[in-house]
């Protein structure tokens, strides 16, 4: 559907509208009570969320390409059905196909508290069948207000079990990575992807990035807090249906090799991802549904 058609069917006056963008993508622009947000239909990608009177909470690179078929760098990419590179040498894009495919709008909602909601749907198509995923439904439900709510629901509509990994790959904007720490993961086991995938235990201290950091913390349901000391704020990331949390910062050298990141972008971002990855991959029986949710607010 075109932006005009979507506006007629799903637009919410003074709350949510659809528009075409110069790069050829369609997005929903939300101006809810308490916050503003932009959601691109490609990838069901939340690229911007800013509570009223505050700094942007999500980081999106100014060099990101907002064009068909190219994943957006920043915001909240949706990772499905594998995390990182696909195992076994099988073909497929990093972090799965969901973040670069067009999703359809299923519904929009306005809440009594002035929040705005949108539900986006991804179903099997020729491309996903080519990767071996032929019968599934993924819904992304988003509630935008002073508090941000996100839910990723996966339905296995096939006659066989479905095993997958998933993540809401949230990029958070911070003033200075050198003065930022993530609490809530103390004592957890993590896979260090920068050190040969060795398993380590997080000390009784915040996770801080002082070099390239890519840690998959497994078997944890804990709420995490991004302590942004320079901007004197705490970003709280509460979750359910998730047993993994990923912390990532590409640092200097990796950022330099990324065409959709500016050289200094690593200084002003950190990813804290609500996930089910590695040991915590999800297996659904035929007809079964799983929901991963995260709720984010700023203190």
Protein backbone atom coordinates (compact mmCIF):
# COMPACT_ATOMS: atom_id res chain seq x y z
CA UNK A 1 0.00 0.00 0.00
CA UNK A 2 1.08 3.56 -0.65
CA UNK A 3 1.49 6.12 2.10
CA UNK A 4 -1.73 7.78 0.93
CA UNK A 5 -3.66 4.50 1.12
CA UNK A 6 -2.20 3.72 4.53
CA UNK A 7 -3.14 7.18 5.77
CA UNK A 8 -6.75 6.69 4.72
CA UNK A 9 -7.04 3.27 6.38
CA UNK A 10 -4.78 3.53 9.42
CA UNK A 11 -4.00 7.20 10.07
CA UNK A 12 -4.92 8.66 13.47
CA UNK A 13 -5.63 12.42 13.31
CA UNK A 14 -3.05 14.49 15.23
CA UNK A 15 -1.44 11.26 16.44
CA UNK A 16 -0.12 9.03 13.65
CA UNK A 17 0.35 9.67 9.95
CA UNK A 18 2.08 7.91 7.06
CA UNK A 19 4.47 9.52 4.61
CA UNK A 20 6.85 8.67 1.80
CA UNK A 21 10.53 9.43 2.37
CA UNK A 22 13.14 10.62 -0.16
CA UNK A 23 14.90 7.23 -0.19
CA UNK A 24 11.75 5.40 -1.25
CA UNK A 25 10.61 4.02 2.12
CA UNK A 26 7.28 4.58 3.87
CA UNK A 27 7.21 5.51 7.52
CA UNK A 28 4.69 6.18 10.25
CA UNK A 29 5.28 9.46 12.07
CA UNK A 30 3.90 9.42 15.61
CA UNK A 31 3.29 12.55 17.68
CA UNK A 32 1.78 11.02 20.79
CA UNK A 33 1.24 12.61 24.15
CA UNK A 34 4.60 12.38 25.85
CA UNK A 35 6.79 11.39 22.89
CA UNK A 36 7.48 11.39 19.18
CA UNK A 37 8.61 8.47 17.04
CA UNK A 38 9.30 7.36 13.46
CA UNK A 39 8.57 3.78 12.37
CA UNK A 40 9.64 2.52 8.95
CA UNK A 41 7.56 -0.24 7.35
CA UNK A 42 10.74 -1.82 6.01
CA UNK A 43 11.92 -3.96 8.88
CA UNK A 44 9.14 -2.66 11.17
CA UNK A 45 11.99 -0.41 12.24
CA UNK A 46 11.63 2.09 15.05
CA UNK A 47 14.25 4.69 14.09
CA UNK A 48 13.45 7.47 16.55
CA UNK A 49 11.80 7.80 19.97
CA UNK A 50 12.10 10.99 21.98
CA UNK A 51 10.05 11.65 25.13
CA UNK A 52 8.75 15.22 25.30
CA UNK A 53 11.31 17.71 26.60
CA UNK A 54 14.14 15.17 26.59
CA UNK A 55 17.08 14.25 24.40
CA UNK A 56 16.59 11.47 21.83
CA UNK A 57 16.81 8.08 23.52
CA UNK A 58 17.65 6.05 20.43
CA UNK A 59 20.80 6.49 18.37
CA UNK A 60 20.49 6.44 14.57
CA UNK A 61 23.52 7.08 12.42
CA UNK A 62 23.39 10.16 10.20
CA UNK A 63 25.07 8.02 7.52
CA UNK A 64 22.41 5.29 7.58
CA UNK A 65 20.87 4.58 4.18
CA UNK A 66 17.08 4.72 4.27
CA UNK A 67 16.59 2.81 1.02
CA UNK A 68 14.78 -0.41 0.02
CA UNK A 69 16.59 -3.61 0.88
CA UNK A 70 19.21 -1.98 3.13
CA UNK A 71 18.99 -2.38 6.91
CA UNK A 72 18.79 0.90 8.85
CA UNK A 73 21.76 1.59 11.14
CA UNK A 74 20.42 2.47 14.57
CA UNK A 75 17.07 2.69 16.29
CA UNK A 76 15.66 -0.77 16.97
CA UNK A 77 16.35 -3.31 14.21
CA UNK A 78 14.30 -6.51 14.53
CA UNK A 79 16.53 -9.59 14.46
CA UNK A 80 14.86 -12.80 13.20
CA UNK A 81 15.24 -15.75 12.65
CA UNK A 82 18.97 -15.96 13.41
CA UNK A 83 21.33 -13.77 15.42
CA UNK A 84 24.64 -12.73 13.84
CA UNK A 85 25.86 -14.88 10.98
CA UNK A 86 23.79 -17.90 10.01
CA UNK A 87 25.14 -21.17 11.40
CA UNK A 88 26.49 -24.00 9.31
CA UNK A 89 27.63 -21.81 6.46
CA UNK A 90 24.09 -21.50 5.18
CA UNK A 91 23.29 -18.45 3.05
CA UNK A 92 21.50 -15.47 4.49
CA UNK A 93 22.12 -11.89 5.64
CA UNK A 94 23.61 -11.16 9.05
CA UNK A 95 20.96 -11.03 11.78
CA UNK A 96 18.31 -12.63 9.57
CA UNK A 97 15.93 -11.33 6.95
CA UNK A 98 13.28 -9.53 9.01
CA UNK A 99 15.11 -6.20 9.37
CA UNK A 100 15.37 -5.55 5.62
CA UNK A 101 12.00 -6.86 4.41
CA UNK A 102 8.77 -4.87 3.99
CA UNK A 103 6.18 -5.47 6.71
CA UNK A 104 2.46 -4.72 6.44
CA UNK A 105 0.38 -2.56 8.77
CA UNK A 106 -2.18 -4.68 10.60
CA UNK A 107 -3.67 -2.03 12.89
CA UNK A 108 -3.14 1.29 14.67
CA UNK A 109 -4.49 2.29 18.07
CA UNK A 110 -4.82 5.31 20.32
CA UNK A 111 -4.67 4.80 24.07
CA UNK A 112 -6.58 6.54 26.85
CA UNK A 113 -3.26 7.95 28.09
CA UNK A 114 -2.55 9.62 24.74
CA UNK A 115 -0.12 6.94 23.60
CA UNK A 116 -0.18 5.69 20.01
CA UNK A 117 0.13 2.08 18.93
CA UNK A 118 0.91 0.31 15.69
CA UNK A 119 1.05 -3.41 14.84
CA UNK A 120 3.12 -4.60 11.89
CA UNK A 121 3.11 -8.08 10.36
CA UNK A 122 5.67 -10.19 8.50
CA UNK A 123 4.64 -13.49 6.89
CA UNK A 124 6.41 -16.01 4.69
CA UNK A 125 7.24 -15.06 1.10
CA UNK A 126 9.37 -16.42 -1.72
CA UNK A 127 12.53 -14.96 -0.20
CA UNK A 128 11.96 -16.46 3.26
CA UNK A 129 11.06 -19.81 1.71
CA UNK A 130 14.39 -19.69 -0.09
CA UNK A 131 16.03 -19.56 3.34
CA UNK A 132 13.89 -22.50 4.54
CA UNK A 133 11.28 -20.51 6.49
CA UNK A 134 7.91 -21.17 4.90
CA UNK A 135 5.21 -21.05 7.56
CA UNK A 136 5.37 -18.40 10.28
CA UNK A 137 3.92 -15.07 11.35
CA UNK A 138 5.85 -12.34 13.16
CA UNK A 139 4.03 -9.40 14.70
CA UNK A 140 5.67 -6.31 16.11
CA UNK A 141 3.47 -4.30 18.46
CA UNK A 142 4.66 -0.86 19.41
CA UNK A 143 3.25 1.54 22.00
CA UNK A 144 4.67 5.06 21.89
CA UNK A 145 4.33 7.50 24.77
CA UNK A 146 6.52 8.72 27.60
CA UNK A 147 7.12 4.98 28.10
CA UNK A 148 8.05 2.87 25.08
CA UNK A 149 6.58 -0.62 24.81
CA UNK A 150 7.63 -3.20 22.21
CA UNK A 151 6.42 -6.77 21.70
CA UNK A 152 7.69 -9.29 19.16
CA UNK A 153 5.29 -12.20 18.70
CA UNK A 154 6.21 -15.28 16.65
CA UNK A 155 3.66 -17.89 15.56
CA UNK A 156 4.75 -21.24 14.14
CA UNK A 157 2.08 -21.99 11.53
CA UNK A 158 3.94 -24.98 10.09
CA UNK A 159 3.49 -28.69 10.79
CA UNK A 160 7.03 -29.01 12.16
CA UNK A 161 8.89 -27.42 15.09
CA UNK A 162 10.40 -23.98 14.45
CA UNK A 163 13.70 -23.02 16.09
CA UNK A 164 14.85 -19.42 15.83
CA UNK A 165 16.81 -16.60 17.48
CA UNK A 166 15.47 -13.08 17.91
CA UNK A 167 16.33 -9.66 19.28
CA UNK A 168 15.13 -6.10 19.59
CA UNK A 169 18.57 -4.66 18.77
CA UNK A 170 18.14 -1.33 20.59
CA UNK A 171 20.76 1.37 19.95
CA UNK A 172 20.80 3.91 22.79
CA UNK A 173 22.15 7.43 22.48
CA UNK A 174 24.62 8.47 25.19
CA UNK A 175 26.75 11.56 25.69
CA UNK A 176 30.07 9.76 26.16
CA UNK A 177 30.68 6.01 25.99
CA UNK A 178 33.59 6.51 28.38
CA UNK A 179 31.14 7.67 31.05
CA UNK A 180 28.46 5.04 30.42
CA UNK A 181 27.82 1.77 32.23
CA UNK A 182 25.16 -0.93 32.01
CA UNK A 183 23.94 -2.47 35.26
CA UNK A 184 21.79 -5.56 35.77
CA UNK A 185 24.13 -8.16 34.27
CA UNK A 186 26.47 -8.62 37.24
CA UNK A 187 27.45 -12.28 37.75
CA UNK A 188 25.96 -13.48 34.45
CA UNK A 189 27.73 -15.70 31.95
CA UNK A 190 28.40 -14.14 28.57
CA UNK A 191 29.80 -15.19 25.22
CA UNK A 192 32.57 -12.77 24.24
CA UNK A 193 32.29 -12.53 20.46
CA UNK A 194 35.44 -10.37 20.31
CA UNK A 195 37.55 -13.07 21.98
CA UNK A 196 36.89 -16.27 20.08
CA UNK A 197 33.40 -16.74 21.54
CA UNK A 198 34.90 -17.61 24.92
CA UNK A 199 32.50 -17.86 27.85
CA UNK A 200 33.21 -15.49 30.70
CA UNK A 201 31.49 -14.27 33.85
CA UNK A 202 30.62 -10.62 34.27
CA UNK A 203 32.22 -9.25 37.47
CA UNK A 204 30.13 -7.56 40.15
CA UNK A 205 30.40 -4.29 38.24
CA UNK A 206 28.64 -2.51 35.39
CA UNK A 207 29.43 -3.49 31.81
CA UNK A 208 31.60 -0.71 30.38
CA UNK A 209 32.97 -0.46 26.85
CA UNK A 210 36.67 0.42 26.75
CA UNK A 211 37.28 -1.42 23.47
CA UNK A 212 35.15 -3.23 20.91
CA UNK A 213 32.45 -4.89 23.01
CA UNK A 214 30.13 -7.68 21.84
CA UNK A 215 28.79 -9.69 24.76
CA UNK A 216 25.88 -12.15 24.59
CA UNK A 217 24.73 -12.60 28.19
CA UNK A 218 22.78 -15.85 28.43
CA UNK A 219 20.20 -17.13 30.91
CA UNK A 220 19.26 -13.72 32.26
CA UNK A 221 15.84 -12.14 32.59
CA UNK A 222 17.12 -9.09 34.49
CA UNK A 223 16.11 -5.51 33.95
CA UNK A 224 19.09 -3.48 32.72
CA UNK A 225 19.87 0.20 33.20
CA UNK A 226 22.03 2.31 30.90
CA UNK A 227 23.66 4.83 33.22
CA UNK A 228 24.45 7.83 31.03
CA UNK A 229 26.54 9.80 33.50
CA UNK A 230 27.41 12.76 31.26
CA UNK A 231 23.75 13.49 30.46
CA UNK A 232 22.73 12.58 34.02
CA UNK A 233 20.05 10.11 33.01
CA UNK A 234 19.19 6.43 33.39
CA UNK A 235 17.58 4.47 30.56
CA UNK A 236 15.69 1.52 32.04
CA UNK A 237 15.22 -1.59 29.88
CA UNK A 238 12.71 -4.02 31.38
CA UNK A 239 11.89 -7.24 29.57
CA UNK A 240 9.94 -10.50 29.55
CA UNK A 241 9.99 -13.59 27.36
CA UNK A 242 13.71 -12.95 26.89
CA UNK A 243 16.57 -14.97 28.36
CA UNK A 244 19.50 -13.20 26.66
CA UNK A 245 20.80 -9.64 26.75
CA UNK A 246 23.41 -8.39 24.28
CA UNK A 247 25.71 -5.41 24.90
CA UNK A 248 27.51 -4.01 21.84
CA UNK A 249 29.74 -1.10 20.90
CA UNK A 250 31.87 -1.37 17.72
CA UNK A 251 34.62 0.98 18.98
CA UNK A 252 37.11 2.73 16.71
CA UNK A 253 38.46 0.23 14.19
CA UNK A 254 35.20 -1.60 13.46
CA UNK A 255 33.31 1.68 13.10
CA UNK A 256 35.90 2.90 10.59
CA UNK A 257 35.06 -0.08 8.36
CA UNK A 258 31.30 0.53 8.41
CA UNK A 259 30.04 2.66 5.54
CA UNK A 260 26.83 3.58 7.37
CA UNK A 261 28.57 4.87 10.51
CA UNK A 262 30.49 8.13 10.94
CA UNK A 263 34.03 7.71 12.35
CA UNK A 264 33.09 9.00 15.81
CA UNK A 265 29.63 7.39 16.10
CA UNK A 266 30.96 4.78 18.53
CA UNK A 267 31.44 7.52 21.13
CA UNK A 268 27.74 8.32 21.39
CA UNK A 269 25.96 4.95 21.40
CA UNK A 270 25.62 1.62 23.12
CA UNK A 271 23.36 -1.29 22.26
CA UNK A 272 21.50 -3.16 25.00
CA UNK A 273 19.48 -5.79 23.17
CA UNK A 274 16.52 -7.78 24.46
CA UNK A 275 17.10 -11.18 22.90
CA UNK A 276 16.83 -14.93 22.76
CA UNK A 277 20.12 -16.04 21.22
CA UNK A 278 22.71 -18.83 21.40
CA UNK A 279 21.76 -21.09 24.34
CA UNK A 280 18.39 -19.35 24.55
CA UNK A 281 17.15 -19.95 21.00
CA UNK A 282 13.39 -20.55 20.99
CA UNK A 283 11.74 -23.74 19.72
CA UNK A 284 8.01 -23.59 19.00
CA UNK A 285 5.81 -26.62 18.45
CA UNK A 286 3.33 -26.41 15.53
CA UNK A 287 0.69 -23.81 16.32
CA UNK A 288 2.62 -22.41 19.28
CA UNK A 289 3.28 -18.70 19.89
CA UNK A 290 6.06 -16.91 21.77
CA UNK A 291 6.17 -13.26 22.85
CA UNK A 292 9.25 -11.20 23.67
CA UNK A 293 8.55 -7.81 25.22
CA UNK A 294 10.55 -4.84 26.39
CA UNK A 295 9.49 -1.65 28.16
CA UNK A 296 11.82 1.36 28.17
CA UNK A 297 11.70 4.63 30.06
CA UNK A 298 14.07 7.38 31.14
CA UNK A 299 14.77 8.50 34.69
